[in-house]
């Protein structure tokens, strides 16, 4: 079971994440904006994050930059976004980062979660 932080300002997406990850046996915590995502991250210490790129109070890119560059924490990140071009540079630059375009299917998302968790685990 992995601890997953899912951040999105779209309630439909957060309900999708809660159901999908819960049914797969993962513990999931939801954040509705960037500021909440950072607060949750610091307290929850997730194994993986699923972030929307464009959210109030700082999008996924901003949260990623704080966690990766400022705090130097290297956790897998999946950007699930309707604006994939905004996150592709991060995926090309950093390890354990991927970008999936909305709408995303549950099987594809779970496959990517499992792939990134396995890759991160191999190096720890």
PDB file of N, CA and C in Angstrom:
ATOM      1  N   UNK A   1       0.846  -1.182   0.000  1.00  0.00           N
ATOM      2  CA  UNK A   1       0.000   0.000   0.000  1.00  0.00           C
ATOM      3  C   UNK A   1       0.889   1.241   0.000  1.00  0.00           C
ATOM      4  N   UNK A   2       0.605   2.141  -0.889  1.00  0.00           N
ATOM      5  CA  UNK A   2       1.351   3.398  -0.967  1.00  0.00           C
ATOM      6  C   UNK A   2       0.510   4.538  -0.408  1.00  0.00           C
ATOM      7  N   UNK A   3       1.210   5.556   0.053  1.00  0.00           N
ATOM      8  CA  UNK A   3       0.556   6.792   0.486  1.00  0.00           C
ATOM      9  C   UNK A   3       0.614   7.764  -0.684  1.00  0.00           C
ATOM     10  N   UNK A   4      -0.561   8.193  -1.160  1.00  0.00           N
ATOM     11  CA  UNK A   4      -0.654   9.047  -2.340  1.00  0.00           C
ATOM     12  C   UNK A   4      -1.325  10.362  -1.977  1.00  0.00           C
ATOM     13  N   UNK A   5      -0.683  11.451  -2.369  1.00  0.00           N
ATOM     14  CA  UNK A   5      -1.274  12.786  -2.283  1.00  0.00           C
ATOM     15  C   UNK A   5      -1.785  13.138  -3.668  1.00  0.00           C
ATOM     16  N   UNK A   6      -3.078  13.407  -3.794  1.00  0.00           N
ATOM     17  CA  UNK A   6      -3.675  13.818  -5.061  1.00  0.00           C
ATOM     18  C   UNK A   6      -4.203  15.239  -4.906  1.00  0.00           C
ATOM     19  N   UNK A   7      -3.722  16.141  -5.757  1.00  0.00           N
ATOM     20  CA  UNK A   7      -4.121  17.547  -5.672  1.00  0.00           C
ATOM     21  C   UNK A   7      -4.760  17.992  -6.974  1.00  0.00           C
ATOM     22  N   UNK A   8      -5.989  18.460  -6.875  1.00  0.00           N
ATOM     23  CA  UNK A   8      -6.730  18.952  -8.038  1.00  0.00           C
ATOM     24  C   UNK A   8      -7.873  19.814  -7.524  1.00  0.00           C
ATOM     25  N   UNK A   9      -8.166  20.904  -8.221  1.00  0.00           N
ATOM     26  CA  UNK A   9      -9.270  21.769  -7.806  1.00  0.00           C
ATOM     27  C   UNK A   9     -10.606  21.322  -8.383  1.00  0.00           C
ATOM     28  N   UNK A  10     -10.611  20.270  -9.180  1.00  0.00           N
ATOM     29  CA  UNK A  10     -11.828  19.727  -9.784  1.00  0.00           C
ATOM     30  C   UNK A  10     -12.348  18.587  -8.896  1.00  0.00           C
ATOM     31  N   UNK A  11     -13.523  18.784  -8.305  1.00  0.00           N
ATOM     32  CA  UNK A  11     -14.081  17.788  -7.392  1.00  0.00           C
ATOM     33  C   UNK A  11     -14.350  16.453  -8.069  1.00  0.00           C
ATOM     34  N   UNK A  12     -14.653  16.459  -9.356  1.00  0.00           N
ATOM     35  CA  UNK A  12     -14.851  15.207 -10.084  1.00  0.00           C
ATOM     36  C   UNK A  12     -13.557  14.399 -10.097  1.00  0.00           C
ATOM     37  N   UNK A  13     -12.442  15.081 -10.320  1.00  0.00           N
ATOM     38  CA  UNK A  13     -11.145  14.401 -10.342  1.00  0.00           C
ATOM     39  C   UNK A  13     -10.770  13.887  -8.955  1.00  0.00           C
ATOM     40  N   UNK A  14     -11.010  14.677  -7.924  1.00  0.00           N
ATOM     41  CA  UNK A  14     -10.626  14.215  -6.587  1.00  0.00           C
ATOM     42  C   UNK A  14     -11.479  13.021  -6.146  1.00  0.00           C
ATOM     43  N   UNK A  15     -12.752  12.995  -6.540  1.00  0.00           N
ATOM     44  CA  UNK A  15     -13.598  11.834  -6.248  1.00  0.00           C
ATOM     45  C   UNK A  15     -13.087  10.608  -7.006  1.00  0.00           C
ATOM     46  N   UNK A  16     -12.673  10.807  -8.257  1.00  0.00           N
ATOM     47  CA  UNK A  16     -12.093   9.737  -9.074  1.00  0.00           C
ATOM     48  C   UNK A  16     -10.840   9.178  -8.400  1.00  0.00           C
ATOM     49  N   UNK A  17      -9.942  10.053  -7.959  1.00  0.00           N
ATOM     50  CA  UNK A  17      -8.712   9.609  -7.305  1.00  0.00           C
ATOM     51  C   UNK A  17      -9.009   8.853  -6.013  1.00  0.00           C
ATOM     52  N   UNK A  18      -9.927   9.380  -5.219  1.00  0.00           N
ATOM     53  CA  UNK A  18     -10.268   8.738  -3.952  1.00  0.00           C
ATOM     54  C   UNK A  18     -10.762   7.318  -4.185  1.00  0.00           C
ATOM     55  N   UNK A  19     -11.676   7.151  -5.138  1.00  0.00           N
ATOM     56  CA  UNK A  19     -12.222   5.827  -5.431  1.00  0.00           C
ATOM     57  C   UNK A  19     -11.167   4.910  -6.047  1.00  0.00           C
ATOM     58  N   UNK A  20     -10.461   5.394  -7.048  1.00  0.00           N
ATOM     59  CA  UNK A  20      -9.486   4.571  -7.776  1.00  0.00           C
ATOM     60  C   UNK A  20      -8.371   4.077  -6.859  1.00  0.00           C
ATOM     61  N   UNK A  21      -7.749   4.991  -6.153  1.00  0.00           N
ATOM     62  CA  UNK A  21      -6.616   4.609  -5.315  1.00  0.00           C
ATOM     63  C   UNK A  21      -7.064   3.820  -4.090  1.00  0.00           C
ATOM     64  N   UNK A  22      -8.228   4.168  -3.548  1.00  0.00           N
ATOM     65  CA  UNK A  22      -8.759   3.418  -2.412  1.00  0.00           C
ATOM     66  C   UNK A  22      -9.062   1.978  -2.777  1.00  0.00           C
ATOM     67  N   UNK A  23      -9.701   1.765  -3.930  1.00  0.00           N
ATOM     68  CA  UNK A  23     -10.014   0.411  -4.384  1.00  0.00           C
ATOM     69  C   UNK A  23      -8.752  -0.385  -4.687  1.00  0.00           C
ATOM     70  N   UNK A  24      -7.679   0.289  -5.050  1.00  0.00           N
ATOM     71  CA  UNK A  24      -6.407  -0.382  -5.342  1.00  0.00           C
ATOM     72  C   UNK A  24      -5.604  -0.654  -4.069  1.00  0.00           C
ATOM     73  N   UNK A  25      -6.133  -0.240  -2.913  1.00  0.00           N
ATOM     74  CA  UNK A  25      -5.478  -0.520  -1.649  1.00  0.00           C
ATOM     75  C   UNK A  25      -4.503   0.533  -1.172  1.00  0.00           C
ATOM     76  N   UNK A  26      -4.508   1.681  -1.827  1.00  0.00           N
ATOM     77  CA  UNK A  26      -3.613   2.765  -1.426  1.00  0.00           C
ATOM     78  C   UNK A  26      -4.320   3.700  -0.447  1.00  0.00           C
ATOM     79  N   UNK A  27      -3.529   4.377   0.352  1.00  0.00           N
ATOM     80  CA  UNK A  27      -4.043   5.425   1.233  1.00  0.00           C
ATOM     81  C   UNK A  27      -3.916   6.734   0.469  1.00  0.00           C
ATOM     82  N   UNK A  28      -5.010   7.451   0.309  1.00  0.00           N
ATOM     83  CA  UNK A  28      -4.991   8.688  -0.476  1.00  0.00           C
ATOM     84  C   UNK A  28      -5.477   9.858   0.371  1.00  0.00           C
ATOM     85  N   UNK A  29      -4.782  10.976   0.220  1.00  0.00           N
ATOM     86  CA  UNK A  29      -5.215  12.229   0.835  1.00  0.00           C
ATOM     87  C   UNK A  29      -5.369  13.242  -0.286  1.00  0.00           C
ATOM     88  N   UNK A  30      -6.459  14.000  -0.250  1.00  0.00           N
ATOM     89  CA  UNK A  30      -6.807  14.950  -1.303  1.00  0.00           C
ATOM     90  C   UNK A  30      -6.497  16.371  -0.857  1.00  0.00           C
ATOM     91  N   UNK A  31      -6.002  17.171  -1.796  1.00  0.00           N
ATOM     92  CA  UNK A  31      -5.826  18.609  -1.579  1.00  0.00           C
ATOM     93  C   UNK A  31      -6.497  19.333  -2.739  1.00  0.00           C
ATOM     94  N   UNK A  32      -7.200  20.427  -2.450  1.00  0.00           N
ATOM     95  CA  UNK A  32      -7.972  21.139  -3.470  1.00  0.00           C
ATOM     96  C   UNK A  32      -7.218  22.287  -4.124  1.00  0.00           C
ATOM     97  N   UNK A  33      -6.039  22.618  -3.614  1.00  0.00           N
ATOM     98  CA  UNK A  33      -5.248  23.684  -4.238  1.00  0.00           C
ATOM     99  C   UNK A  33      -3.780  23.503  -3.872  1.00  0.00           C
ATOM    100  N   UNK A  34      -2.944  24.356  -4.418  1.00  0.00           N
ATOM    101  CA  UNK A  34      -1.511  24.221  -4.221  1.00  0.00           C
ATOM    102  C   UNK A  34      -1.062  24.404  -2.791  1.00  0.00           C
ATOM    103  N   UNK A  35      -1.608  25.391  -2.103  1.00  0.00           N
ATOM    104  CA  UNK A  35      -1.217  25.635  -0.713  1.00  0.00           C
ATOM    105  C   UNK A  35      -1.582  24.449   0.170  1.00  0.00           C
ATOM    106  N   UNK A  36      -2.780  23.916  -0.023  1.00  0.00           N
ATOM    107  CA  UNK A  36      -3.204  22.750   0.755  1.00  0.00           C
ATOM    108  C   UNK A  36      -2.331  21.542   0.433  1.00  0.00           C
ATOM    109  N   UNK A  37      -1.938  21.396  -0.831  1.00  0.00           N
ATOM    110  CA  UNK A  37      -1.085  20.269  -1.226  1.00  0.00           C
ATOM    111  C   UNK A  37       0.251  20.310  -0.494  1.00  0.00           C
ATOM    112  N   UNK A  38       0.827  21.474  -0.385  1.00  0.00           N
ATOM    113  CA  UNK A  38       2.103  21.598   0.315  1.00  0.00           C
ATOM    114  C   UNK A  38       1.941  21.284   1.804  1.00  0.00           C
ATOM    115  N   UNK A  39       0.877  21.791   2.416  1.00  0.00           N
ATOM    116  CA  UNK A  39       0.610  21.489   3.828  1.00  0.00           C
ATOM    117  C   UNK A  39       0.420  19.993   4.044  1.00  0.00           C
ATOM    118  N   UNK A  40      -0.382  19.371   3.166  1.00  0.00           N
ATOM    119  CA  UNK A  40      -0.631  17.934   3.277  1.00  0.00           C
ATOM    120  C   UNK A  40       0.671  17.167   3.092  1.00  0.00           C
ATOM    121  N   UNK A  41       1.460  17.564   2.105  1.00  0.00           N
ATOM    122  CA  UNK A  41       2.718  16.871   1.837  1.00  0.00           C
ATOM    123  C   UNK A  41       3.598  16.841   3.082  1.00  0.00           C
ATOM    124  N   UNK A  42       3.748  17.969   3.717  1.00  0.00           N
ATOM    125  CA  UNK A  42       4.646  18.064   4.865  1.00  0.00           C
ATOM    126  C   UNK A  42       4.182  17.205   6.039  1.00  0.00           C
ATOM    127  N   UNK A  43       2.867  17.056   6.211  1.00  0.00           N
ATOM    128  CA  UNK A  43       2.350  16.247   7.304  1.00  0.00           C
ATOM    129  C   UNK A  43       2.167  14.782   6.967  1.00  0.00           C
ATOM    130  N   UNK A  44       1.802  14.487   5.733  1.00  0.00           N
ATOM    131  CA  UNK A  44       1.434  13.135   5.303  1.00  0.00           C
ATOM    132  C   UNK A  44       2.635  12.338   4.799  1.00  0.00           C
ATOM    133  N   UNK A  45       3.635  13.021   4.249  1.00  0.00           N
ATOM    134  CA  UNK A  45       4.822  12.375   3.674  1.00  0.00           C
ATOM    135  C   UNK A  45       4.441  11.257   2.696  1.00  0.00           C
ATOM    136  N   UNK A  46       3.800  11.613   1.582  1.00  0.00           N
ATOM    137  CA  UNK A  46       3.345  10.601   0.633  1.00  0.00           C
ATOM    138  C   UNK A  46       4.507   9.908  -0.075  1.00  0.00           C
ATOM    139  N   UNK A  47       4.215   8.734  -0.603  1.00  0.00           N
ATOM    140  CA  UNK A  47       5.178   7.998  -1.428  1.00  0.00           C
ATOM    141  C   UNK A  47       5.160   8.503  -2.861  1.00  0.00           C
ATOM    142  N   UNK A  48       4.033   9.095  -3.269  1.00  0.00           N
ATOM    143  CA  UNK A  48       3.836   9.562  -4.640  1.00  0.00           C
ATOM    144  C   UNK A  48       2.809  10.682  -4.635  1.00  0.00           C
ATOM    145  N   UNK A  49       2.961  11.610  -5.592  1.00  0.00           N
ATOM    146  CA  UNK A  49       1.993  12.698  -5.729  1.00  0.00           C
ATOM    147  C   UNK A  49       1.371  12.666  -7.121  1.00  0.00           C
ATOM    148  N   UNK A  50       0.089  12.961  -7.184  1.00  0.00           N
ATOM    149  CA  UNK A  50      -0.622  13.177  -8.442  1.00  0.00           C
ATOM    150  C   UNK A  50      -1.082  14.627  -8.399  1.00  0.00           C
ATOM    151  N   UNK A  51      -0.573  15.438  -9.330  1.00  0.00           N
ATOM    152  CA  UNK A  51      -0.809  16.881  -9.285  1.00  0.00           C
ATOM    153  C   UNK A  51      -1.434  17.400 -10.568  1.00  0.00           C
ATOM    154  N   UNK A  52      -2.398  18.295 -10.424  1.00  0.00           N
ATOM    155  CA  UNK A  52      -2.904  19.078 -11.547  1.00  0.00           C
ATOM    156  C   UNK A  52      -1.938  20.246 -11.738  1.00  0.00           C
ATOM    157  N   UNK A  53      -1.724  20.641 -12.974  1.00  0.00           N
ATOM    158  CA  UNK A  53      -0.783  21.729 -13.250  1.00  0.00           C
ATOM    159  C   UNK A  53      -1.356  23.079 -12.855  1.00  0.00           C
ATOM    160  N   UNK A  54      -2.636  23.302 -13.126  1.00  0.00           N
ATOM    161  CA  UNK A  54      -3.238  24.621 -12.948  1.00  0.00           C
ATOM    162  C   UNK A  54      -4.276  24.574 -11.833  1.00  0.00           C
ATOM    163  N   UNK A  55      -3.890  25.072 -10.647  1.00  0.00           N
ATOM    164  CA  UNK A  55      -4.792  25.102  -9.493  1.00  0.00           C
ATOM    165  C   UNK A  55      -4.664  26.449  -8.794  1.00  0.00           C
ATOM    166  N   UNK A  56      -5.690  26.822  -8.022  1.00  0.00           N
ATOM    167  CA  UNK A  56      -5.565  28.030  -7.206  1.00  0.00           C
ATOM    168  C   UNK A  56      -4.447  27.872  -6.167  1.00  0.00           C
ATOM    169  N   UNK A  57      -3.922  28.980  -5.700  1.00  0.00           N
ATOM    170  CA  UNK A  57      -2.870  29.001  -4.668  1.00  0.00           C
ATOM    171  C   UNK A  57      -1.620  28.247  -5.081  1.00  0.00           C
ATOM    172  N   UNK A  58      -1.316  28.253  -6.340  1.00  0.00           N
ATOM    173  CA  UNK A  58      -0.109  27.582  -6.824  1.00  0.00           C
ATOM    174  C   UNK A  58      -0.433  26.246  -7.439  1.00  0.00           C
ATOM    175  N   UNK A  59      -0.092  26.094  -8.689  1.00  0.00           N
ATOM    176  CA  UNK A  59      -0.362  24.849  -9.394  1.00  0.00           C
ATOM    177  C   UNK A  59       0.657  23.771  -9.071  1.00  0.00           C
ATOM    178  N   UNK A  60       0.476  22.637  -9.739  1.00  0.00           N
ATOM    179  CA  UNK A  60       1.345  21.497  -9.507  1.00  0.00           C
ATOM    180  C   UNK A  60       2.806  21.777  -9.787  1.00  0.00           C
ATOM    181  N   UNK A  61       3.087  22.595 -10.795  1.00  0.00           N
ATOM    182  CA  UNK A  61       4.477  22.933 -11.099  1.00  0.00           C
ATOM    183  C   UNK A  61       5.139  23.676  -9.959  1.00  0.00           C
ATOM    184  N   UNK A  62       4.422  24.583  -9.348  1.00  0.00           N
ATOM    185  CA  UNK A  62       4.964  25.347  -8.207  1.00  0.00           C
ATOM    186  C   UNK A  62       5.208  24.429  -7.017  1.00  0.00           C
ATOM    187  N   UNK A  63       4.256  23.558  -6.732  1.00  0.00           N
ATOM    188  CA  UNK A  63       4.407  22.619  -5.622  1.00  0.00           C
ATOM    189  C   UNK A  63       5.587  21.690  -5.887  1.00  0.00           C
ATOM    190  N   UNK A  64       5.692  21.205  -7.116  1.00  0.00           N
ATOM    191  CA  UNK A  64       6.812  20.350  -7.498  1.00  0.00           C
ATOM    192  C   UNK A  64       8.140  21.063  -7.257  1.00  0.00           C
ATOM    193  N   UNK A  65       8.225  22.311  -7.689  1.00  0.00           N
ATOM    194  CA  UNK A  65       9.466  23.068  -7.526  1.00  0.00           C
ATOM    195  C   UNK A  65       9.839  23.244  -6.057  1.00  0.00           C
ATOM    196  N   UNK A  66       8.862  23.512  -5.220  1.00  0.00           N
ATOM    197  CA  UNK A  66       9.149  23.667  -3.788  1.00  0.00           C
ATOM    198  C   UNK A  66       9.642  22.350  -3.199  1.00  0.00           C
ATOM    199  N   UNK A  67       8.957  21.273  -3.514  1.00  0.00           N
ATOM    200  CA  UNK A  67       9.307  19.979  -2.931  1.00  0.00           C
ATOM    201  C   UNK A  67      10.635  19.462  -3.475  1.00  0.00           C
ATOM    202  N   UNK A  68      10.821  19.548  -4.779  1.00  0.00           N
ATOM    203  CA  UNK A  68      12.044  19.001  -5.379  1.00  0.00           C
ATOM    204  C   UNK A  68      13.251  19.914  -5.220  1.00  0.00           C
ATOM    205  N   UNK A  69      13.085  21.184  -5.502  1.00  0.00           N
ATOM    206  CA  UNK A  69      14.238  22.085  -5.530  1.00  0.00           C
ATOM    207  C   UNK A  69      14.564  22.695  -4.173  1.00  0.00           C
ATOM    208  N   UNK A  70      13.547  23.115  -3.451  1.00  0.00           N
ATOM    209  CA  UNK A  70      13.793  23.793  -2.175  1.00  0.00           C
ATOM    210  C   UNK A  70      14.003  22.777  -1.053  1.00  0.00           C
ATOM    211  N   UNK A  71      13.082  21.834  -0.929  1.00  0.00           N
ATOM    212  CA  UNK A  71      13.171  20.858   0.151  1.00  0.00           C
ATOM    213  C   UNK A  71      14.061  19.667  -0.194  1.00  0.00           C
ATOM    214  N   UNK A  72      14.430  19.535  -1.469  1.00  0.00           N
ATOM    215  CA  UNK A  72      15.305  18.452  -1.931  1.00  0.00           C
ATOM    216  C   UNK A  72      14.719  17.064  -1.663  1.00  0.00           C
ATOM    217  N   UNK A  73      13.402  16.938  -1.763  1.00  0.00           N
ATOM    218  CA  UNK A  73      12.742  15.655  -1.566  1.00  0.00           C
ATOM    219  C   UNK A  73      12.419  15.050  -2.924  1.00  0.00           C
ATOM    220  N   UNK A  74      12.786  13.811  -3.126  1.00  0.00           N
ATOM    221  CA  UNK A  74      12.653  13.187  -4.434  1.00  0.00           C
ATOM    222  C   UNK A  74      11.603  12.077  -4.396  1.00  0.00           C
ATOM    223  N   UNK A  75      10.373  12.463  -4.519  1.00  0.00           N
ATOM    224  CA  UNK A  75       9.260  11.522  -4.569  1.00  0.00           C
ATOM    225  C   UNK A  75       8.706  11.500  -5.987  1.00  0.00           C
ATOM    226  N   UNK A  76       8.158  10.350  -6.429  1.00  0.00           N
ATOM    227  CA  UNK A  76       7.555  10.300  -7.760  1.00  0.00           C
ATOM    228  C   UNK A  76       6.358  11.250  -7.868  1.00  0.00           C
ATOM    229  N   UNK A  77       6.218  11.830  -9.066  1.00  0.00           N
ATOM    230  CA  UNK A  77       5.133  12.772  -9.340  1.00  0.00           C
ATOM    231  C   UNK A  77       4.503  12.432 -10.681  1.00  0.00           C
ATOM    232  N   UNK A  78       3.179  12.408 -10.709  1.00  0.00           N
ATOM    233  CA  UNK A  78       2.433  12.285 -11.958  1.00  0.00           C
ATOM    234  C   UNK A  78       1.612  13.556 -12.107  1.00  0.00           C
ATOM    235  N   UNK A  79       1.866  14.291 -13.175  1.00  0.00           N
ATOM    236  CA  UNK A  79       1.039  15.442 -13.508  1.00  0.00           C
ATOM    237  C   UNK A  79      -0.101  14.940 -14.376  1.00  0.00           C
ATOM    238  N   UNK A  80      -1.338  15.087 -13.906  1.00  0.00           N
ATOM    239  CA  UNK A  80      -2.527  14.758 -14.691  1.00  0.00           C
ATOM    240  C   UNK A  80      -3.175  16.090 -15.014  1.00  0.00           C
ATOM    241  N   UNK A  81      -3.163  16.447 -16.292  1.00  0.00           N
ATOM    242  CA  UNK A  81      -3.517  17.815 -16.650  1.00  0.00           C
ATOM    243  C   UNK A  81      -4.143  17.913 -18.031  1.00  0.00           C
ATOM    244  N   UNK A  82      -4.938  18.936 -18.196  1.00  0.00           N
ATOM    245  CA  UNK A  82      -5.443  19.288 -19.514  1.00  0.00           C
ATOM    246  C   UNK A  82      -4.443  20.138 -20.279  1.00  0.00           C
ATOM    247  N   UNK A  83      -3.341  20.502 -19.622  1.00  0.00           N
ATOM    248  CA  UNK A  83      -2.293  21.346 -20.214  1.00  0.00           C
ATOM    249  C   UNK A  83      -0.946  20.623 -20.161  1.00  0.00           C
ATOM    250  N   UNK A  84      -0.808  19.492 -20.867  1.00  0.00           N
ATOM    251  CA  UNK A  84       0.411  18.688 -20.726  1.00  0.00           C
ATOM    252  C   UNK A  84       1.689  19.409 -21.133  1.00  0.00           C
ATOM    253  N   UNK A  85       1.580  20.369 -22.045  1.00  0.00           N
ATOM    254  CA  UNK A  85       2.777  21.092 -22.486  1.00  0.00           C
ATOM    255  C   UNK A  85       3.428  21.873 -21.347  1.00  0.00           C
ATOM    256  N   UNK A  86       2.646  22.239 -20.331  1.00  0.00           N
ATOM    257  CA  UNK A  86       3.193  22.983 -19.193  1.00  0.00           C
ATOM    258  C   UNK A  86       4.056  22.107 -18.284  1.00  0.00           C
ATOM    259  N   UNK A  87       3.903  20.798 -18.360  1.00  0.00           N
ATOM    260  CA  UNK A  87       4.632  19.907 -17.453  1.00  0.00           C
ATOM    261  C   UNK A  87       5.657  19.027 -18.155  1.00  0.00           C
ATOM    262  N   UNK A  88       5.637  18.973 -19.466  1.00  0.00           N
ATOM    263  CA  UNK A  88       6.544  18.064 -20.180  1.00  0.00           C
ATOM    264  C   UNK A  88       8.016  18.352 -19.896  1.00  0.00           C
ATOM    265  N   UNK A  89       8.382  19.611 -19.732  1.00  0.00           N
ATOM    266  CA  UNK A  89       9.769  19.949 -19.436  1.00  0.00           C
ATOM    267  C   UNK A  89      10.228  19.354 -18.116  1.00  0.00           C
ATOM    268  N   UNK A  90       9.339  19.336 -17.129  1.00  0.00           N
ATOM    269  CA  UNK A  90       9.683  18.739 -15.837  1.00  0.00           C
ATOM    270  C   UNK A  90       9.888  17.237 -15.978  1.00  0.00           C
ATOM    271  N   UNK A  91       9.033  16.595 -16.765  1.00  0.00           N
ATOM    272  CA  UNK A  91       9.149  15.153 -16.965  1.00  0.00           C
ATOM    273  C   UNK A  91      10.435  14.801 -17.700  1.00  0.00           C
ATOM    274  N   UNK A  92      10.873  15.666 -18.597  1.00  0.00           N
ATOM    275  CA  UNK A  92      12.104  15.407 -19.344  1.00  0.00           C
ATOM    276  C   UNK A  92      13.347  15.672 -18.501  1.00  0.00           C
ATOM    277  N   UNK A  93      13.226  16.508 -17.492  1.00  0.00           N
ATOM    278  CA  UNK A  93      14.379  16.931 -16.692  1.00  0.00           C
ATOM    279  C   UNK A  93      14.585  16.090 -15.439  1.00  0.00           C
ATOM    280  N   UNK A  94      13.517  15.654 -14.815  1.00  0.00           N
ATOM    281  CA  UNK A  94      13.614  14.993 -13.518  1.00  0.00           C
ATOM    282  C   UNK A  94      13.232  13.521 -13.596  1.00  0.00           C
ATOM    283  N   UNK A  95      13.876  12.731 -12.741  1.00  0.00           N
ATOM    284  CA  UNK A  95      13.560  11.312 -12.634  1.00  0.00           C
ATOM    285  C   UNK A  95      12.241  11.150 -11.880  1.00  0.00           C
ATOM    286  N   UNK A  96      11.531  10.110 -12.192  1.00  0.00           N
ATOM    287  CA  UNK A  96      10.281   9.729 -11.531  1.00  0.00           C
ATOM    288  C   UNK A  96       9.187  10.768 -11.700  1.00  0.00           C
ATOM    289  N   UNK A  97       9.127  11.369 -12.864  1.00  0.00           N
ATOM    290  CA  UNK A  97       8.073  12.334 -13.182  1.00  0.00           C
ATOM    291  C   UNK A  97       7.442  11.919 -14.499  1.00  0.00           C
ATOM    292  N   UNK A  98       6.123  11.898 -14.538  1.00  0.00           N
ATOM    293  CA  UNK A  98       5.434  11.626 -15.797  1.00  0.00           C
ATOM    294  C   UNK A  98       4.257  12.584 -15.950  1.00  0.00           C
ATOM    295  N   UNK A  99       3.776  12.674 -17.172  1.00  0.00           N
ATOM    296  CA  UNK A  99       2.671  13.568 -17.509  1.00  0.00           C
ATOM    297  C   UNK A  99       1.604  12.755 -18.225  1.00  0.00           C
ATOM    298  N   UNK A 100       0.376  12.815 -17.718  1.00  0.00           N
ATOM    299  CA  UNK A 100      -0.768  12.177 -18.361  1.00  0.00           C
ATOM    300  C   UNK A 100      -1.809  13.250 -18.644  1.00  0.00           C
ATOM    301  N   UNK A 101      -2.429  13.139 -19.806  1.00  0.00           N
ATOM    302  CA  UNK A 101      -3.405  14.148 -20.211  1.00  0.00           C
ATOM    303  C   UNK A 101      -4.804  13.767 -19.760  1.00  0.00           C
ATOM    304  N   UNK A 102      -5.536  14.777 -19.246  1.00  0.00           N
ATOM    305  CA  UNK A 102      -6.953  14.595 -18.911  1.00  0.00           C
ATOM    306  C   UNK A 102      -7.755  14.526 -20.197  1.00  0.00           C
ATOM    307  N   UNK A 103      -8.795  13.732 -20.233  1.00  0.00           N
ATOM    308  CA  UNK A 103      -9.193  12.766 -19.213  1.00  0.00           C
ATOM    309  C   UNK A 103      -8.279  11.536 -19.255  1.00  0.00           C
ATOM    310  N   UNK A 104      -7.991  10.995 -18.096  1.00  0.00           N
ATOM    311  CA  UNK A 104      -7.105   9.835 -18.000  1.00  0.00           C
ATOM    312  C   UNK A 104      -7.905   8.650 -17.475  1.00  0.00           C
ATOM    313  N   UNK A 105      -7.645   7.495 -18.051  1.00  0.00           N
ATOM    314  CA  UNK A 105      -8.315   6.282 -17.610  1.00  0.00           C
ATOM    315  C   UNK A 105      -7.696   5.727 -16.343  1.00  0.00           C
ATOM    316  N   UNK A 106      -8.494   5.036 -15.567  1.00  0.00           N
ATOM    317  CA  UNK A 106      -8.020   4.478 -14.311  1.00  0.00           C
ATOM    318  C   UNK A 106      -6.903   3.468 -14.480  1.00  0.00           C
ATOM    319  N   UNK A 107      -7.017   2.590 -15.477  1.00  0.00           N
ATOM    320  CA  UNK A 107      -5.982   1.577 -15.687  1.00  0.00           C
ATOM    321  C   UNK A 107      -4.647   2.216 -16.033  1.00  0.00           C
ATOM    322  N   UNK A 108      -4.666   3.204 -16.913  1.00  0.00           N
ATOM    323  CA  UNK A 108      -3.433   3.890 -17.296  1.00  0.00           C
ATOM    324  C   UNK A 108      -2.802   4.586 -16.090  1.00  0.00           C
ATOM    325  N   UNK A 109      -3.619   5.252 -15.300  1.00  0.00           N
ATOM    326  CA  UNK A 109      -3.100   5.963 -14.134  1.00  0.00           C
ATOM    327  C   UNK A 109      -2.520   4.989 -13.110  1.00  0.00           C
ATOM    328  N   UNK A 110      -3.215   3.898 -12.833  1.00  0.00           N
ATOM    329  CA  UNK A 110      -2.693   2.914 -11.880  1.00  0.00           C
ATOM    330  C   UNK A 110      -1.411   2.269 -12.388  1.00  0.00           C
ATOM    331  N   UNK A 111      -1.346   1.987 -13.691  1.00  0.00           N
ATOM    332  CA  UNK A 111      -0.111   1.438 -14.266  1.00  0.00           C
ATOM    333  C   UNK A 111       1.055   2.393 -14.054  1.00  0.00           C
ATOM    334  N   UNK A 112       0.813   3.675 -14.246  1.00  0.00           N
ATOM    335  CA  UNK A 112       1.872   4.670 -14.079  1.00  0.00           C
ATOM    336  C   UNK A 112       2.255   4.818 -12.604  1.00  0.00           C
ATOM    337  N   UNK A 113       1.289   4.779 -11.717  1.00  0.00           N
ATOM    338  CA  UNK A 113       1.571   4.804 -10.279  1.00  0.00           C
ATOM    339  C   UNK A 113       2.476   3.630  -9.916  1.00  0.00           C
ATOM    340  N   UNK A 114       2.106   2.438 -10.357  1.00  0.00           N
ATOM    341  CA  UNK A 114       2.887   1.242 -10.034  1.00  0.00           C
ATOM    342  C   UNK A 114       4.285   1.298 -10.636  1.00  0.00           C
ATOM    343  N   UNK A 115       4.406   1.792 -11.858  1.00  0.00           N
ATOM    344  CA  UNK A 115       5.708   1.895 -12.521  1.00  0.00           C
ATOM    345  C   UNK A 115       6.630   2.840 -11.757  1.00  0.00           C
ATOM    346  N   UNK A 116       6.120   4.013 -11.405  1.00  0.00           N
ATOM    347  CA  UNK A 116       6.946   4.996 -10.706  1.00  0.00           C
ATOM    348  C   UNK A 116       7.302   4.549  -9.286  1.00  0.00           C
ATOM    349  N   UNK A 117       6.365   3.940  -8.592  1.00  0.00           N
ATOM    350  CA  UNK A 117       6.668   3.446  -7.245  1.00  0.00           C
ATOM    351  C   UNK A 117       7.737   2.359  -7.291  1.00  0.00           C
ATOM    352  N   UNK A 118       7.644   1.461  -8.269  1.00  0.00           N
ATOM    353  CA  UNK A 118       8.646   0.400  -8.410  1.00  0.00           C
ATOM    354  C   UNK A 118      10.014   0.979  -8.751  1.00  0.00           C
ATOM    355  N   UNK A 119      10.048   1.956  -9.647  1.00  0.00           N
ATOM    356  CA  UNK A 119      11.324   2.578 -10.029  1.00  0.00           C
ATOM    357  C   UNK A 119      11.960   3.284  -8.841  1.00  0.00           C
ATOM    358  N   UNK A 120      11.161   3.994  -8.073  1.00  0.00           N
ATOM    359  CA  UNK A 120      11.691   4.704  -6.908  1.00  0.00           C
ATOM    360  C   UNK A 120      12.164   3.721  -5.843  1.00  0.00           C
ATOM    361  N   UNK A 121      11.440   2.635  -5.669  1.00  0.00           N
ATOM    362  CA  UNK A 121      11.803   1.635  -4.664  1.00  0.00           C
ATOM    363  C   UNK A 121      13.121   0.946  -5.011  1.00  0.00           C
ATOM    364  N   UNK A 122      13.372   0.723  -6.279  1.00  0.00           N
ATOM    365  CA  UNK A 122      14.605   0.052  -6.708  1.00  0.00           C
ATOM    366  C   UNK A 122      15.847   0.855  -6.334  1.00  0.00           C
ATOM    367  N   UNK A 123      15.719   2.160  -6.251  1.00  0.00           N
ATOM    368  CA  UNK A 123      16.870   3.004  -5.965  1.00  0.00           C
ATOM    369  C   UNK A 123      17.011   3.370  -4.490  1.00  0.00           C
ATOM    370  N   UNK A 124      16.122   2.875  -3.661  1.00  0.00           N
ATOM    371  CA  UNK A 124      16.231   3.178  -2.217  1.00  0.00           C
ATOM    372  C   UNK A 124      16.757   1.998  -1.458  1.00  0.00           C
TER     373      UNK A 124
END
